Amino acid sequence: MRLFLKKLIDKTAIDCRTIGSFFGVNGKKLQRQYKKHLSSFNTWAPPEHAHEWIIYPENLGTHLSIDEVALSQDELFTIVTNKEAKGKKGYLVVIVAGTKADQVIEHICKIDYKKKVVS
């Protein structure tokens, strides 16, 4: 059951609370268990620059979207996503702290040219 729930949470855009309600499990508890035990959240070692930018070139696709997100009043981020992933695994392409175009372009240009060319 544990692996089934992990796969279901990883592969769908449905939140843990909703999935928990399908199976008669406390959704908040399922969310906590997923974060602490099932996902790789605790073992992920972020790169030093992760507070400024993160790039996942393997998620690049032909249809991208860009949006600004405010995590708090002082924290603005620009996020580039792959629309083909539809919010699932492989959705996130770039996150950049701030909303200035030159900063975003600078980090997008770090993606290898061969990965940017889509046939």
N, C-alpha and C. Protein backbone atom coordinates (compact mmCIF):
# COMPACT_ATOMS: atom_id res chain seq x y z
N MET A 1 0.82 -1.19 0.00
CA MET A 1 0.00 0.00 0.00
C MET A 1 0.87 1.26 0.00
N ARG A 2 1.99 1.19 0.73
CA ARG A 2 2.87 2.34 0.84
C ARG A 2 3.42 2.75 -0.52
N LEU A 3 3.92 1.80 -1.30
CA LEU A 3 4.47 2.12 -2.62
C LEU A 3 3.38 2.58 -3.58
N PHE A 4 2.20 2.00 -3.43
CA PHE A 4 1.07 2.43 -4.26
C PHE A 4 0.74 3.90 -4.01
N LEU A 5 0.66 4.30 -2.74
CA LEU A 5 0.36 5.69 -2.41
C LEU A 5 1.48 6.63 -2.88
N LYS A 6 2.73 6.20 -2.74
CA LYS A 6 3.85 7.03 -3.19
C LYS A 6 3.75 7.28 -4.68
N LYS A 7 3.50 6.22 -5.45
CA LYS A 7 3.37 6.37 -6.90
C LYS A 7 2.18 7.25 -7.26
N LEU A 8 1.10 7.09 -6.55
CA LEU A 8 -0.10 7.89 -6.81
C LEU A 8 0.16 9.37 -6.52
N ILE A 9 0.82 9.66 -5.42
CA ILE A 9 1.13 11.04 -5.06
C ILE A 9 2.13 11.63 -6.05
N ASP A 10 3.16 10.85 -6.44
CA ASP A 10 4.18 11.34 -7.36
C ASP A 10 3.63 11.61 -8.76
N LYS A 11 2.69 10.80 -9.21
CA LYS A 11 2.26 10.85 -10.61
C LYS A 11 1.02 11.69 -10.86
N THR A 12 0.29 12.09 -9.84
CA THR A 12 -0.94 12.85 -10.07
C THR A 12 -0.82 14.26 -9.51
N ALA A 13 -1.68 15.11 -9.97
CA ALA A 13 -1.71 16.49 -9.49
C ALA A 13 -2.72 16.63 -8.35
N ILE A 14 -3.12 15.52 -7.76
CA ILE A 14 -4.08 15.52 -6.65
C ILE A 14 -3.31 15.63 -5.34
N ASP A 15 -3.77 16.48 -4.45
CA ASP A 15 -3.04 16.67 -3.19
C ASP A 15 -3.25 15.49 -2.25
N CYS A 16 -2.39 15.38 -1.26
CA CYS A 16 -2.40 14.27 -0.31
C CYS A 16 -3.70 14.18 0.48
N ARG A 17 -4.27 15.31 0.81
CA ARG A 17 -5.52 15.30 1.59
C ARG A 17 -6.65 14.66 0.80
N THR A 18 -6.72 14.96 -0.49
CA THR A 18 -7.76 14.36 -1.33
C THR A 18 -7.51 12.87 -1.50
N ILE A 19 -6.28 12.50 -1.76
CA ILE A 19 -5.94 11.07 -1.90
C ILE A 19 -6.26 10.33 -0.61
N GLY A 20 -5.92 10.93 0.53
CA GLY A 20 -6.23 10.31 1.82
C GLY A 20 -7.72 10.07 1.99
N SER A 21 -8.54 11.02 1.55
CA SER A 21 -9.99 10.85 1.69
C SER A 21 -10.51 9.70 0.83
N PHE A 22 -9.87 9.40 -0.30
CA PHE A 22 -10.26 8.27 -1.14
C PHE A 22 -10.05 6.94 -0.43
N PHE A 23 -9.02 6.88 0.41
CA PHE A 23 -8.64 5.63 1.06
C PHE A 23 -8.98 5.59 2.55
N GLY A 24 -9.69 6.58 3.03
CA GLY A 24 -10.08 6.61 4.44
C GLY A 24 -8.92 6.88 5.37
N VAL A 25 -7.94 7.64 4.88
CA VAL A 25 -6.75 7.97 5.66
C VAL A 25 -6.77 9.47 5.93
N ASN A 26 -6.27 9.88 7.08
CA ASN A 26 -6.16 11.29 7.40
C ASN A 26 -5.19 11.93 6.40
N GLY A 27 -5.69 12.85 5.56
CA GLY A 27 -4.90 13.46 4.51
C GLY A 27 -3.72 14.26 5.01
N LYS A 28 -3.91 14.98 6.11
CA LYS A 28 -2.81 15.77 6.67
C LYS A 28 -1.69 14.86 7.16
N LYS A 29 -2.08 13.74 7.77
CA LYS A 29 -1.09 12.78 8.25
C LYS A 29 -0.37 12.12 7.07
N LEU A 30 -1.12 11.80 6.00
CA LEU A 30 -0.52 11.22 4.80
C LEU A 30 0.50 12.20 4.20
N GLN A 31 0.15 13.48 4.16
CA GLN A 31 1.05 14.48 3.63
C GLN A 31 2.34 14.54 4.45
N ARG A 32 2.23 14.50 5.76
CA ARG A 32 3.40 14.53 6.64
C ARG A 32 4.24 13.26 6.46
N GLN A 33 3.60 12.11 6.37
CA GLN A 33 4.31 10.84 6.17
C GLN A 33 5.03 10.82 4.82
N TYR A 34 4.36 11.35 3.81
CA TYR A 34 4.98 11.40 2.48
C TYR A 34 6.25 12.25 2.53
N LYS A 35 6.14 13.42 3.14
CA LYS A 35 7.29 14.32 3.20
C LYS A 35 8.44 13.72 4.00
N LYS A 36 8.14 13.11 5.16
CA LYS A 36 9.19 12.62 6.03
C LYS A 36 9.76 11.26 5.65
N HIS A 37 8.94 10.40 5.01
CA HIS A 37 9.39 9.02 4.81
C HIS A 37 9.36 8.54 3.37
N LEU A 38 8.38 8.93 2.58
CA LEU A 38 8.23 8.37 1.24
C LEU A 38 8.99 9.14 0.17
N SER A 39 9.01 10.46 0.28
CA SER A 39 9.70 11.26 -0.73
C SER A 39 11.19 11.33 -0.40
N SER A 40 11.94 11.92 -1.30
CA SER A 40 13.38 12.09 -1.05
C SER A 40 13.67 13.48 -0.50
N PHE A 41 12.67 14.12 0.07
CA PHE A 41 12.81 15.48 0.58
C PHE A 41 13.94 15.62 1.59
N ASN A 42 14.04 14.72 2.53
CA ASN A 42 15.05 14.82 3.60
C ASN A 42 16.46 14.53 3.13
N THR A 43 16.61 13.82 2.01
CA THR A 43 17.94 13.45 1.54
C THR A 43 18.42 14.34 0.41
N TRP A 44 17.58 15.25 -0.08
CA TRP A 44 17.97 16.12 -1.19
C TRP A 44 18.94 17.18 -0.69
N ALA A 45 20.10 17.24 -1.31
CA ALA A 45 21.09 18.25 -0.95
C ALA A 45 21.05 19.35 -2.00
N PRO A 46 20.45 20.49 -1.68
CA PRO A 46 20.34 21.55 -2.67
C PRO A 46 21.70 22.16 -3.00
N PRO A 47 21.90 22.57 -4.25
CA PRO A 47 23.15 23.25 -4.59
C PRO A 47 23.24 24.59 -3.86
N GLU A 48 24.44 25.14 -3.78
CA GLU A 48 24.65 26.40 -3.05
C GLU A 48 23.81 27.54 -3.61
N HIS A 49 23.58 27.53 -4.91
CA HIS A 49 22.85 28.63 -5.55
C HIS A 49 21.33 28.44 -5.53
N ALA A 50 20.84 27.41 -4.88
CA ALA A 50 19.42 27.08 -4.92
C ALA A 50 18.52 28.18 -4.37
N HIS A 51 19.03 29.02 -3.49
CA HIS A 51 18.20 30.11 -2.98
C HIS A 51 18.05 31.23 -4.01
N GLU A 52 18.87 31.22 -5.07
CA GLU A 52 18.78 32.23 -6.12
C GLU A 52 18.19 31.69 -7.41
N TRP A 53 18.54 30.45 -7.79
CA TRP A 53 18.02 29.87 -9.01
C TRP A 53 18.20 28.36 -9.02
N ILE A 54 17.30 27.70 -9.72
CA ILE A 54 17.39 26.25 -9.94
C ILE A 54 16.96 26.00 -11.38
N ILE A 55 17.70 25.14 -12.08
CA ILE A 55 17.39 24.82 -13.46
C ILE A 55 17.31 23.30 -13.61
N TYR A 56 16.27 22.84 -14.30
CA TYR A 56 16.11 21.43 -14.65
C TYR A 56 16.03 21.33 -16.16
N PRO A 57 17.20 21.30 -16.85
CA PRO A 57 17.20 21.32 -18.32
C PRO A 57 16.51 20.08 -18.93
N GLU A 58 16.49 18.99 -18.21
CA GLU A 58 15.86 17.77 -18.73
C GLU A 58 14.35 17.92 -18.85
N ASN A 59 13.78 18.95 -18.22
CA ASN A 59 12.33 19.17 -18.27
C ASN A 59 11.92 20.13 -19.39
N LEU A 60 12.88 20.61 -20.15
CA LEU A 60 12.60 21.54 -21.23
C LEU A 60 11.69 20.89 -22.27
N GLY A 61 10.74 21.65 -22.79
CA GLY A 61 9.83 21.13 -23.79
C GLY A 61 9.50 22.20 -24.81
N THR A 62 8.59 21.90 -25.72
CA THR A 62 8.24 22.83 -26.79
C THR A 62 7.23 23.88 -26.33
N HIS A 63 6.46 23.58 -25.30
CA HIS A 63 5.45 24.52 -24.80
C HIS A 63 5.77 24.89 -23.35
N LEU A 64 6.21 26.12 -23.16
CA LEU A 64 6.59 26.59 -21.83
C LEU A 64 5.67 27.72 -21.40
N SER A 65 5.57 27.92 -20.10
CA SER A 65 4.87 29.08 -19.57
C SER A 65 5.76 29.73 -18.53
N ILE A 66 5.53 31.01 -18.33
CA ILE A 66 6.32 31.77 -17.36
C ILE A 66 5.35 32.52 -16.46
N ASP A 67 5.66 32.54 -15.18
CA ASP A 67 4.77 33.20 -14.23
C ASP A 67 5.58 33.74 -13.06
N GLU A 68 5.01 34.73 -12.40
CA GLU A 68 5.61 35.28 -11.19
C GLU A 68 4.84 34.77 -9.99
N VAL A 69 5.57 34.43 -8.94
CA VAL A 69 4.95 33.90 -7.73
C VAL A 69 5.51 34.66 -6.54
N ALA A 70 4.63 35.04 -5.62
CA ALA A 70 5.05 35.70 -4.39
C ALA A 70 4.87 34.71 -3.25
N LEU A 71 5.97 34.24 -2.68
CA LEU A 71 5.90 33.32 -1.56
C LEU A 71 5.61 34.05 -0.26
N SER A 72 6.02 35.30 -0.20
CA SER A 72 5.68 36.20 0.91
C SER A 72 5.74 37.60 0.34
N GLN A 73 5.54 38.59 1.15
CA GLN A 73 5.53 39.96 0.64
C GLN A 73 6.86 40.38 0.02
N ASP A 74 7.95 39.85 0.52
CA ASP A 74 9.26 40.27 0.04
C ASP A 74 9.91 39.30 -0.94
N GLU A 75 9.34 38.11 -1.12
CA GLU A 75 9.96 37.10 -1.96
C GLU A 75 9.17 36.91 -3.26
N LEU A 76 9.74 37.41 -4.35
CA LEU A 76 9.14 37.21 -5.67
C LEU A 76 10.03 36.27 -6.47
N PHE A 77 9.42 35.33 -7.15
CA PHE A 77 10.14 34.38 -7.98
C PHE A 77 9.50 34.31 -9.36
N THR A 78 10.34 34.05 -10.36
CA THR A 78 9.85 33.79 -11.71
C THR A 78 10.02 32.30 -11.95
N ILE A 79 8.95 31.68 -12.44
CA ILE A 79 8.96 30.24 -12.65
C ILE A 79 8.63 29.94 -14.11
N VAL A 80 9.47 29.11 -14.74
CA VAL A 80 9.23 28.65 -16.11
C VAL A 80 8.88 27.17 -16.01
N THR A 81 7.75 26.80 -16.62
CA THR A 81 7.28 25.41 -16.54
C THR A 81 7.03 24.83 -17.92
N ASN A 82 7.06 23.51 -17.98
CA ASN A 82 6.78 22.76 -19.20
C ASN A 82 5.30 22.41 -19.20
N LYS A 83 4.54 23.00 -20.11
CA LYS A 83 3.10 22.80 -20.15
C LYS A 83 2.72 21.35 -20.47
N GLU A 84 3.59 20.64 -21.21
CA GLU A 84 3.29 19.26 -21.60
C GLU A 84 3.23 18.32 -20.40
N ALA A 85 3.91 18.67 -19.30
CA ALA A 85 3.92 17.82 -18.11
C ALA A 85 2.63 17.96 -17.30
N LYS A 86 1.87 19.01 -17.55
CA LYS A 86 0.57 19.23 -16.91
C LYS A 86 0.62 19.15 -15.38
N GLY A 87 1.62 19.79 -14.79
CA GLY A 87 1.73 19.87 -13.34
C GLY A 87 2.29 18.63 -12.68
N LYS A 88 2.72 17.66 -13.44
CA LYS A 88 3.25 16.43 -12.86
C LYS A 88 4.78 16.44 -12.93
N LYS A 89 5.38 15.29 -12.76
CA LYS A 89 6.83 15.18 -12.79
C LYS A 89 7.36 15.72 -14.12
N GLY A 90 8.43 16.51 -14.06
CA GLY A 90 9.01 17.10 -15.25
C GLY A 90 8.40 18.45 -15.61
N TYR A 91 7.62 19.01 -14.71
CA TYR A 91 6.90 20.26 -14.95
C TYR A 91 7.79 21.49 -14.79
N LEU A 92 8.65 21.47 -13.81
CA LEU A 92 9.47 22.63 -13.47
C LEU A 92 10.73 22.69 -14.32
N VAL A 93 10.97 23.84 -14.98
CA VAL A 93 12.16 24.01 -15.80
C VAL A 93 13.14 24.97 -15.12
N VAL A 94 12.67 26.15 -14.71
CA VAL A 94 13.55 27.16 -14.09
C VAL A 94 12.79 27.89 -12.99
N ILE A 95 13.47 28.15 -11.88
CA ILE A 95 12.99 29.06 -10.85
C ILE A 95 14.11 30.08 -10.62
N VAL A 96 13.75 31.35 -10.69
CA VAL A 96 14.72 32.42 -10.48
C VAL A 96 14.17 33.38 -9.43
N ALA A 97 14.99 33.73 -8.45
CA ALA A 97 14.59 34.72 -7.45
C ALA A 97 14.53 36.08 -8.14
N GLY A 98 13.41 36.77 -8.00
CA GLY A 98 13.22 38.07 -8.62
C GLY A 98 12.39 37.97 -9.89
N THR A 99 12.09 39.13 -10.45
CA THR A 99 11.23 39.17 -11.63
C THR A 99 11.82 40.00 -12.77
N LYS A 100 13.07 40.40 -12.64
CA LYS A 100 13.69 41.20 -13.69
C LYS A 100 14.04 40.31 -14.88
N ALA A 101 13.67 40.78 -16.06
CA ALA A 101 13.84 39.98 -17.28
C ALA A 101 15.30 39.60 -17.52
N ASP A 102 16.23 40.52 -17.29
CA ASP A 102 17.64 40.22 -17.55
C ASP A 102 18.16 39.10 -16.66
N GLN A 103 17.69 39.04 -15.40
CA GLN A 103 18.09 37.95 -14.50
C GLN A 103 17.54 36.62 -14.99
N VAL A 104 16.28 36.60 -15.38
CA VAL A 104 15.63 35.38 -15.85
C VAL A 104 16.32 34.88 -17.12
N ILE A 105 16.57 35.79 -18.05
CA ILE A 105 17.23 35.43 -19.31
C ILE A 105 18.62 34.88 -19.05
N GLU A 106 19.35 35.50 -18.13
CA GLU A 106 20.71 35.05 -17.80
C GLU A 106 20.70 33.58 -17.37
N HIS A 107 19.73 33.20 -16.55
CA HIS A 107 19.70 31.82 -16.05
C HIS A 107 19.15 30.85 -17.09
N ILE A 108 18.20 31.28 -17.89
CA ILE A 108 17.69 30.41 -18.95
C ILE A 108 18.81 30.13 -19.96
N CYS A 109 19.67 31.09 -20.19
CA CYS A 109 20.77 30.91 -21.13
C CYS A 109 21.81 29.90 -20.63
N LYS A 110 21.74 29.51 -19.36
CA LYS A 110 22.66 28.51 -18.82
C LYS A 110 22.30 27.10 -19.30
N ILE A 111 21.09 26.95 -19.83
CA ILE A 111 20.69 25.64 -20.35
C ILE A 111 21.49 25.36 -21.62
N ASP A 112 22.04 24.17 -21.72
CA ASP A 112 22.84 23.77 -22.87
C ASP A 112 22.04 23.96 -24.16
N TYR A 113 22.68 24.57 -25.16
CA TYR A 113 22.01 24.87 -26.42
C TYR A 113 21.39 23.63 -27.05
N LYS A 114 22.08 22.51 -26.97
CA LYS A 114 21.58 21.27 -27.58
C LYS A 114 20.27 20.84 -26.93
N LYS A 115 20.11 21.14 -25.64
CA LYS A 115 18.86 20.80 -24.95
C LYS A 115 17.74 21.78 -25.32
N LYS A 116 18.12 23.02 -25.73
CA LYS A 116 17.11 24.00 -26.10
C LYS A 116 16.54 23.73 -27.48
N VAL A 117 17.33 23.09 -28.36
CA VAL A 117 16.85 22.79 -29.70
C VAL A 117 15.91 21.61 -29.62
N VAL A 118 14.67 21.83 -29.97
CA VAL A 118 13.66 20.78 -29.91
C VAL A 118 13.25 20.44 -31.33
N SER A 119 13.35 19.17 -31.67
CA SER A 119 13.01 18.76 -33.04
C SER A 119 11.56 18.40 -33.19
